[in-house]
Amino acid sequence: MDEYGVVCLPVVDDRGCLVGVVSRHDLVKVFLRPDEDIADEILEELDHLAWVDTSHVEVAVKDGVVALDGRTGTRTDVSLINRRAARVNGVVDVRDELLWDEEDA
């Protein structure tokens, strides 16, 4: 978009019908979130994993890169935590340093 000076693009459905418009601002704004906001949202996401003990998981964010540290119950828990963190808007990368108590995968 930048190379050709395009400021917005049409969004169409599978039939080719216009359903909206996306701008450069729309695409870039998710990467402009403060690190603190990203960390808060990740912690909120982890709270929704009711069956996973995340009480020993630490979340740090620097320039959109998430560092996960600590311990959880199983390898599957680690996978779930990573996926939840990665899907938060503004996350550029996830660095996983989590340990688990039980091998279940």
C-alpha atoms as a PDB file:
ATOM      1  CA  MET A   1       0.000   0.000   0.000  1.00  0.00           C
ATOM      2  CA  ASP A   2       2.789   2.366   0.895  1.00  0.00           C
ATOM      3  CA  GLU A   3       4.749   1.684  -2.273  1.00  0.00           C
ATOM      4  CA  TYR A   4       1.811   2.665  -4.490  1.00  0.00           C
ATOM      5  CA  GLY A   5       0.352   5.429  -2.308  1.00  0.00           C
ATOM      6  CA  VAL A   6      -2.813   3.449  -1.591  1.00  0.00           C
ATOM      7  CA  VAL A   7      -4.589   4.720   1.532  1.00  0.00           C
ATOM      8  CA  CYS A   8      -7.448   2.206   1.654  1.00  0.00           C
ATOM      9  CA  LEU A   9      -8.487  -1.121   0.172  1.00  0.00           C
ATOM     10  CA  PRO A  10     -11.907  -2.623  -0.430  1.00  0.00           C
ATOM     11  CA  VAL A  11     -12.839  -5.737   1.512  1.00  0.00           C
ATOM     12  CA  VAL A  12     -15.052  -8.168  -0.387  1.00  0.00           C
ATOM     13  CA  ASP A  13     -16.793 -11.406   0.529  1.00  0.00           C
ATOM     14  CA  ASP A  14     -16.451 -14.701  -1.337  1.00  0.00           C
ATOM     15  CA  ARG A  15     -18.979 -13.482  -3.942  1.00  0.00           C
ATOM     16  CA  GLY A  16     -17.016 -10.303  -4.625  1.00  0.00           C
ATOM     17  CA  CYS A  17     -19.516  -8.023  -2.857  1.00  0.00           C
ATOM     18  CA  LEU A  18     -18.116  -5.052  -0.966  1.00  0.00           C
ATOM     19  CA  VAL A  19     -18.371  -5.574   2.803  1.00  0.00           C
ATOM     20  CA  GLY A  20     -16.070  -2.797   3.999  1.00  0.00           C
ATOM     21  CA  VAL A  21     -12.909  -0.791   3.583  1.00  0.00           C
ATOM     22  CA  VAL A  22      -9.588  -1.136   5.408  1.00  0.00           C
ATOM     23  CA  SER A  23      -7.149   1.748   5.694  1.00  0.00           C
ATOM     24  CA  ARG A  24      -3.419   1.909   6.374  1.00  0.00           C
ATOM     25  CA  HIS A  25      -4.297   3.319   9.763  1.00  0.00           C
ATOM     26  CA  ASP A  26      -6.450   0.249  10.512  1.00  0.00           C
ATOM     27  CA  LEU A  27      -3.546  -2.057   9.668  1.00  0.00           C
ATOM     28  CA  VAL A  28      -0.909  -0.157  11.617  1.00  0.00           C
ATOM     29  CA  LYS A  29      -2.834   0.810  14.751  1.00  0.00           C
ATOM     30  CA  VAL A  30      -2.697  -2.672  16.282  1.00  0.00           C
ATOM     31  CA  PHE A  31       1.094  -2.390  16.384  1.00  0.00           C
ATOM     32  CA  LEU A  32       1.019   1.008  18.096  1.00  0.00           C
ATOM     33  CA  ARG A  33      -0.413  -0.178  21.399  1.00  0.00           C
ATOM     34  CA  PRO A  34       1.516   0.548  24.574  1.00  0.00           C
ATOM     35  CA  ASP A  35       3.308  -2.492  25.979  1.00  0.00           C
ATOM     36  CA  GLU A  36       1.427  -2.120  29.269  1.00  0.00           C
ATOM     37  CA  ASP A  37      -1.935  -2.390  27.473  1.00  0.00           C
ATOM     38  CA  ILE A  38      -0.783  -5.510  25.656  1.00  0.00           C
ATOM     39  CA  ALA A  39       0.427  -7.126  28.901  1.00  0.00           C
ATOM     40  CA  ASP A  40      -2.839  -6.266  30.663  1.00  0.00           C
ATOM     41  CA  GLU A  41      -4.890  -7.829  27.874  1.00  0.00           C
ATOM     42  CA  ILE A  42      -2.756 -10.974  27.888  1.00  0.00           C
ATOM     43  CA  LEU A  43      -3.216 -11.339  31.646  1.00  0.00           C
ATOM     44  CA  GLU A  44      -6.961 -10.894  31.168  1.00  0.00           C
ATOM     45  CA  GLU A  45      -6.942 -13.570  28.453  1.00  0.00           C
ATOM     46  CA  LEU A  46      -5.071 -15.932  30.776  1.00  0.00           C
ATOM     47  CA  ASP A  47      -7.680 -15.348  33.492  1.00  0.00           C
ATOM     48  CA  HIS A  48     -10.261 -16.783  31.090  1.00  0.00           C
ATOM     49  CA  LEU A  49      -8.397 -20.099  31.001  1.00  0.00           C
ATOM     50  CA  ALA A  50     -10.327 -21.293  34.046  1.00  0.00           C
ATOM     51  CA  TRP A  51      -9.029 -24.874  33.871  1.00  0.00           C
ATOM     52  CA  VAL A  52      -5.366 -23.788  33.573  1.00  0.00           C
ATOM     53  CA  ASP A  53      -3.343 -22.627  36.588  1.00  0.00           C
ATOM     54  CA  THR A  54      -1.634 -19.445  35.375  1.00  0.00           C
ATOM     55  CA  SER A  55      -0.846 -18.113  38.844  1.00  0.00           C
ATOM     56  CA  HIS A  56       2.878 -18.761  38.331  1.00  0.00           C
ATOM     57  CA  VAL A  57       3.056 -17.323  34.810  1.00  0.00           C
ATOM     58  CA  GLU A  58       4.801 -13.984  34.352  1.00  0.00           C
ATOM     59  CA  VAL A  59       4.126 -11.768  31.343  1.00  0.00           C
ATOM     60  CA  ALA A  60       6.481  -9.021  30.185  1.00  0.00           C
ATOM     61  CA  VAL A  61       6.142  -6.998  26.978  1.00  0.00           C
ATOM     62  CA  LYS A  62       8.814  -4.873  25.291  1.00  0.00           C
ATOM     63  CA  ASP A  63       8.170  -3.313  21.875  1.00  0.00           C
ATOM     64  CA  GLY A  64       5.318  -5.737  21.264  1.00  0.00           C
ATOM     65  CA  VAL A  65       7.448  -8.817  22.010  1.00  0.00           C
ATOM     66  CA  VAL A  66       5.916 -10.916  24.776  1.00  0.00           C
ATOM     67  CA  ALA A  67       8.119 -12.850  27.193  1.00  0.00           C
ATOM     68  CA  LEU A  68       6.360 -15.645  29.063  1.00  0.00           C
ATOM     69  CA  ASP A  69       8.169 -17.046  32.072  1.00  0.00           C
ATOM     70  CA  GLY A  70       7.264 -19.284  34.982  1.00  0.00           C
ATOM     71  CA  ARG A  71       5.595 -22.644  35.405  1.00  0.00           C
ATOM     72  CA  THR A  72       2.276 -24.292  34.692  1.00  0.00           C
ATOM     73  CA  GLY A  73       0.763 -27.761  34.974  1.00  0.00           C
ATOM     74  CA  THR A  74       1.173 -29.399  31.586  1.00  0.00           C
ATOM     75  CA  ARG A  75       2.760 -28.980  28.190  1.00  0.00           C
ATOM     76  CA  THR A  76      -0.746 -28.494  26.765  1.00  0.00           C
ATOM     77  CA  ASP A  77      -1.252 -25.580  29.178  1.00  0.00           C
ATOM     78  CA  VAL A  78       1.909 -23.973  27.808  1.00  0.00           C
ATOM     79  CA  SER A  79       0.584 -24.318  24.271  1.00  0.00           C
ATOM     80  CA  LEU A  80      -2.756 -22.731  25.222  1.00  0.00           C
ATOM     81  CA  ILE A  81      -1.038 -19.848  27.002  1.00  0.00           C
ATOM     82  CA  ASN A  82       1.190 -19.177  24.006  1.00  0.00           C
ATOM     83  CA  ARG A  83      -1.748 -19.157  21.595  1.00  0.00           C
ATOM     84  CA  ARG A  84      -3.764 -16.806  23.806  1.00  0.00           C
ATOM     85  CA  ALA A  85      -0.838 -14.394  24.069  1.00  0.00           C
ATOM     86  CA  ALA A  86      -0.075 -14.481  20.342  1.00  0.00           C
ATOM     87  CA  ARG A  87      -3.616 -13.546  19.314  1.00  0.00           C
ATOM     88  CA  VAL A  88      -3.672 -10.269  21.274  1.00  0.00           C
ATOM     89  CA  ASN A  89      -3.571  -7.216  19.011  1.00  0.00           C
ATOM     90  CA  GLY A  90      -0.165  -5.565  19.039  1.00  0.00           C
ATOM     91  CA  VAL A  91       1.822  -8.734  19.771  1.00  0.00           C
ATOM     92  CA  VAL A  92       4.733  -9.001  17.358  1.00  0.00           C
ATOM     93  CA  ASP A  93       6.303 -12.179  18.751  1.00  0.00           C
ATOM     94  CA  VAL A  94       6.055 -14.490  21.763  1.00  0.00           C
ATOM     95  CA  ARG A  95       9.173 -15.733  23.556  1.00  0.00           C
ATOM     96  CA  ASP A  96       8.235 -18.806  25.554  1.00  0.00           C
ATOM     97  CA  GLU A  97      10.340 -19.688  28.595  1.00  0.00           C
ATOM     98  CA  LEU A  98       7.529 -21.536  30.379  1.00  0.00           C
ATOM     99  CA  LEU A  99       8.150 -24.805  32.198  1.00  0.00           C
ATOM    100  CA  TRP A 100       5.546 -27.456  32.980  1.00  0.00           C
ATOM    101  CA  ASP A 101       5.147 -30.074  35.685  1.00  0.00           C
ATOM    102  CA  GLU A 102       3.604 -32.902  33.674  1.00  0.00           C
ATOM    103  CA  GLU A 103       4.253 -34.178  30.160  1.00  0.00           C
ATOM    104  CA  ASP A 104       0.852 -34.805  28.574  1.00  0.00           C
ATOM    105  CA  ALA A 105       1.466 -34.398  24.854  1.00  0.00           C
END
